[in-house]
Amino acid sequence: MYKGKVYDNKTNNTYILNFKDDKKVSIKLDVNTCVSEYTTSCDNCINISPIKCTEACCDSDFAIKLIEVIGESKKYDINSDILTLRNTGEIKLKRVFD
């Protein structure tokens, strides 16, 4: 959900947001790969630095909105294996294991 509107992933693509121990975060979109850094300065607070993406052609509208919501996130909650990032929008991510 973003600004009161729900966006559906009509591409059926799977997006994996990878938080690393070195405070880096990355995500592979439809075509582009994006990277950033994050900090957690207080309980349930998160700050994600401006996200930088490669500029190859044609990510879906859903992927672009996904990056916006992630980049604007200021709070997070973890419930079981679901990470919720939120601020103006909200996104729920399911934990996957390699």
C-alpha atoms as a PDB file:
ATOM      1  CA  MET A   1       0.000   0.000   0.000  1.00  0.00           C
ATOM      2  CA  TYR A   2       1.302   3.452  -0.879  1.00  0.00           C
ATOM      3  CA  LYS A   3      -0.546   6.700  -0.195  1.00  0.00           C
ATOM      4  CA  GLY A   4      -3.837   4.861   0.181  1.00  0.00           C
ATOM      5  CA  LYS A   5      -3.496   2.797  -2.992  1.00  0.00           C
ATOM      6  CA  VAL A   6      -2.707  -0.917  -3.196  1.00  0.00           C
ATOM      7  CA  TYR A   7      -0.273  -1.983  -5.920  1.00  0.00           C
ATOM      8  CA  ASP A   8      -0.370  -5.523  -7.227  1.00  0.00           C
ATOM      9  CA  ASN A   9       2.669  -7.374  -8.547  1.00  0.00           C
ATOM     10  CA  LYS A  10       1.203  -8.272 -11.937  1.00  0.00           C
ATOM     11  CA  THR A  11       4.602  -9.358 -13.259  1.00  0.00           C
ATOM     12  CA  ASN A  12       4.731 -12.469 -11.049  1.00  0.00           C
ATOM     13  CA  ASN A  13       8.408 -11.631 -10.466  1.00  0.00           C
ATOM     14  CA  THR A  14       9.974 -12.348  -7.099  1.00  0.00           C
ATOM     15  CA  TYR A  15      11.912  -9.474  -5.556  1.00  0.00           C
ATOM     16  CA  ILE A  16      14.479 -10.276  -2.876  1.00  0.00           C
ATOM     17  CA  LEU A  17      15.565  -7.483  -0.568  1.00  0.00           C
ATOM     18  CA  ASN A  18      18.873  -8.523   0.977  1.00  0.00           C
ATOM     19  CA  PHE A  19      19.939  -6.883   4.258  1.00  0.00           C
ATOM     20  CA  LYS A  20      23.601  -7.614   4.958  1.00  0.00           C
ATOM     21  CA  ASP A  21      25.559  -7.491   8.215  1.00  0.00           C
ATOM     22  CA  ASP A  22      27.740  -4.658   6.852  1.00  0.00           C
ATOM     23  CA  LYS A  23      24.647  -2.368   6.787  1.00  0.00           C
ATOM     24  CA  LYS A  24      24.241  -2.644   3.022  1.00  0.00           C
ATOM     25  CA  VAL A  25      20.955  -3.539   1.366  1.00  0.00           C
ATOM     26  CA  SER A  26      20.324  -4.639  -2.212  1.00  0.00           C
ATOM     27  CA  ILE A  27      17.416  -5.670  -4.397  1.00  0.00           C
ATOM     28  CA  LYS A  28      17.184  -7.101  -7.899  1.00  0.00           C
ATOM     29  CA  LEU A  29      14.239  -5.654  -9.797  1.00  0.00           C
ATOM     30  CA  ASP A  30      12.859  -6.812 -13.150  1.00  0.00           C
ATOM     31  CA  VAL A  31      15.939  -5.529 -14.990  1.00  0.00           C
ATOM     32  CA  ASN A  32      17.919  -3.260 -12.685  1.00  0.00           C
ATOM     33  CA  THR A  33      19.792  -3.906  -9.456  1.00  0.00           C
ATOM     34  CA  CYS A  34      19.597  -1.383  -6.627  1.00  0.00           C
ATOM     35  CA  VAL A  35      21.843  -0.853  -3.597  1.00  0.00           C
ATOM     36  CA  SER A  36      21.836   1.330  -0.519  1.00  0.00           C
ATOM     37  CA  GLU A  37      22.915   1.419   3.107  1.00  0.00           C
ATOM     38  CA  TYR A  38      20.742   1.306   6.208  1.00  0.00           C
ATOM     39  CA  THR A  39      20.942   2.130   9.880  1.00  0.00           C
ATOM     40  CA  THR A  40      18.715   1.205  12.789  1.00  0.00           C
ATOM     41  CA  SER A  41      19.126   4.059  15.249  1.00  0.00           C
ATOM     42  CA  CYS A  42      16.343   3.102  17.683  1.00  0.00           C
ATOM     43  CA  ASP A  43      13.912   0.263  18.342  1.00  0.00           C
ATOM     44  CA  ASN A  44      11.831  -0.295  15.210  1.00  0.00           C
ATOM     45  CA  CYS A  45      13.427   2.698  13.412  1.00  0.00           C
ATOM     46  CA  ILE A  46      15.192   2.305  10.085  1.00  0.00           C
ATOM     47  CA  ASN A  47      16.901   4.811   7.833  1.00  0.00           C
ATOM     48  CA  ILE A  48      17.681   3.779   4.275  1.00  0.00           C
ATOM     49  CA  SER A  49      20.111   6.018   2.399  1.00  0.00           C
ATOM     50  CA  PRO A  50      19.098   7.130  -1.088  1.00  0.00           C
ATOM     51  CA  ILE A  51      18.767   4.026  -3.227  1.00  0.00           C
ATOM     52  CA  LYS A  52      20.966   3.842  -6.319  1.00  0.00           C
ATOM     53  CA  CYS A  53      19.944   1.645  -9.232  1.00  0.00           C
ATOM     54  CA  THR A  54      21.501   0.670 -12.509  1.00  0.00           C
ATOM     55  CA  GLU A  55      19.743   2.377 -15.385  1.00  0.00           C
ATOM     56  CA  ALA A  56      18.978  -0.387 -17.833  1.00  0.00           C
ATOM     57  CA  CYS A  57      15.577  -0.249 -19.442  1.00  0.00           C
ATOM     58  CA  CYS A  58      12.149  -1.069 -18.300  1.00  0.00           C
ATOM     59  CA  ASP A  59      11.391  -2.092 -14.738  1.00  0.00           C
ATOM     60  CA  SER A  60       7.672  -2.560 -14.087  1.00  0.00           C
ATOM     61  CA  ASP A  61       5.576   0.145 -12.425  1.00  0.00           C
ATOM     62  CA  PHE A  62       5.291  -2.176  -9.417  1.00  0.00           C
ATOM     63  CA  ALA A  63       9.102  -2.461  -9.096  1.00  0.00           C
ATOM     64  CA  ILE A  64       9.500   1.313  -9.277  1.00  0.00           C
ATOM     65  CA  LYS A  65       6.828   1.839  -6.609  1.00  0.00           C
ATOM     66  CA  LEU A  66       8.479  -0.879  -4.493  1.00  0.00           C
ATOM     67  CA  ILE A  67      11.758   1.079  -4.468  1.00  0.00           C
ATOM     68  CA  GLU A  68       9.905   4.264  -3.496  1.00  0.00           C
ATOM     69  CA  VAL A  69       8.212   2.599  -0.529  1.00  0.00           C
ATOM     70  CA  ILE A  70      11.439   0.951   0.632  1.00  0.00           C
ATOM     71  CA  GLY A  71      13.389   4.208   0.311  1.00  0.00           C
ATOM     72  CA  GLU A  72      10.823   6.202   2.296  1.00  0.00           C
ATOM     73  CA  SER A  73      10.532   3.658   5.117  1.00  0.00           C
ATOM     74  CA  LYS A  74      11.277   4.970   8.602  1.00  0.00           C
ATOM     75  CA  LYS A  75       9.787   2.227  10.799  1.00  0.00           C
ATOM     76  CA  TYR A  76       9.884  -1.543  10.737  1.00  0.00           C
ATOM     77  CA  ASP A  77       8.235  -4.420  12.545  1.00  0.00           C
ATOM     78  CA  ILE A  78       9.137  -8.093  12.518  1.00  0.00           C
ATOM     79  CA  ASN A  79       6.405 -10.598  13.251  1.00  0.00           C
ATOM     80  CA  SER A  80       7.406 -14.235  12.810  1.00  0.00           C
ATOM     81  CA  ASP A  81       8.954 -14.316   9.307  1.00  0.00           C
ATOM     82  CA  ILE A  82       7.289 -11.106   8.026  1.00  0.00           C
ATOM     83  CA  LEU A  83       9.182  -7.800   7.895  1.00  0.00           C
ATOM     84  CA  THR A  84       6.934  -4.773   7.528  1.00  0.00           C
ATOM     85  CA  LEU A  85       8.545  -1.526   6.348  1.00  0.00           C
ATOM     86  CA  ARG A  86       6.394   1.570   6.668  1.00  0.00           C
ATOM     87  CA  ASN A  87       6.105   5.328   6.496  1.00  0.00           C
ATOM     88  CA  THR A  88       3.885   6.925   3.838  1.00  0.00           C
ATOM     89  CA  GLY A  89       3.481   3.450   2.388  1.00  0.00           C
ATOM     90  CA  GLU A  90       3.750  -0.035   3.773  1.00  0.00           C
ATOM     91  CA  ILE A  91       5.274  -3.189   2.402  1.00  0.00           C
ATOM     92  CA  LYS A  92       5.334  -6.670   3.877  1.00  0.00           C
ATOM     93  CA  LEU A  93       8.261  -8.923   3.041  1.00  0.00           C
ATOM     94  CA  LYS A  94       8.454 -12.647   3.777  1.00  0.00           C
ATOM     95  CA  ARG A  95      11.781 -14.013   4.975  1.00  0.00           C
ATOM     96  CA  VAL A  96      13.420 -16.504   2.640  1.00  0.00           C
ATOM     97  CA  PHE A  97      16.473 -18.598   3.293  1.00  0.00           C
ATOM     98  CA  ASP A  98      19.319 -19.364   0.917  1.00  0.00           C
END
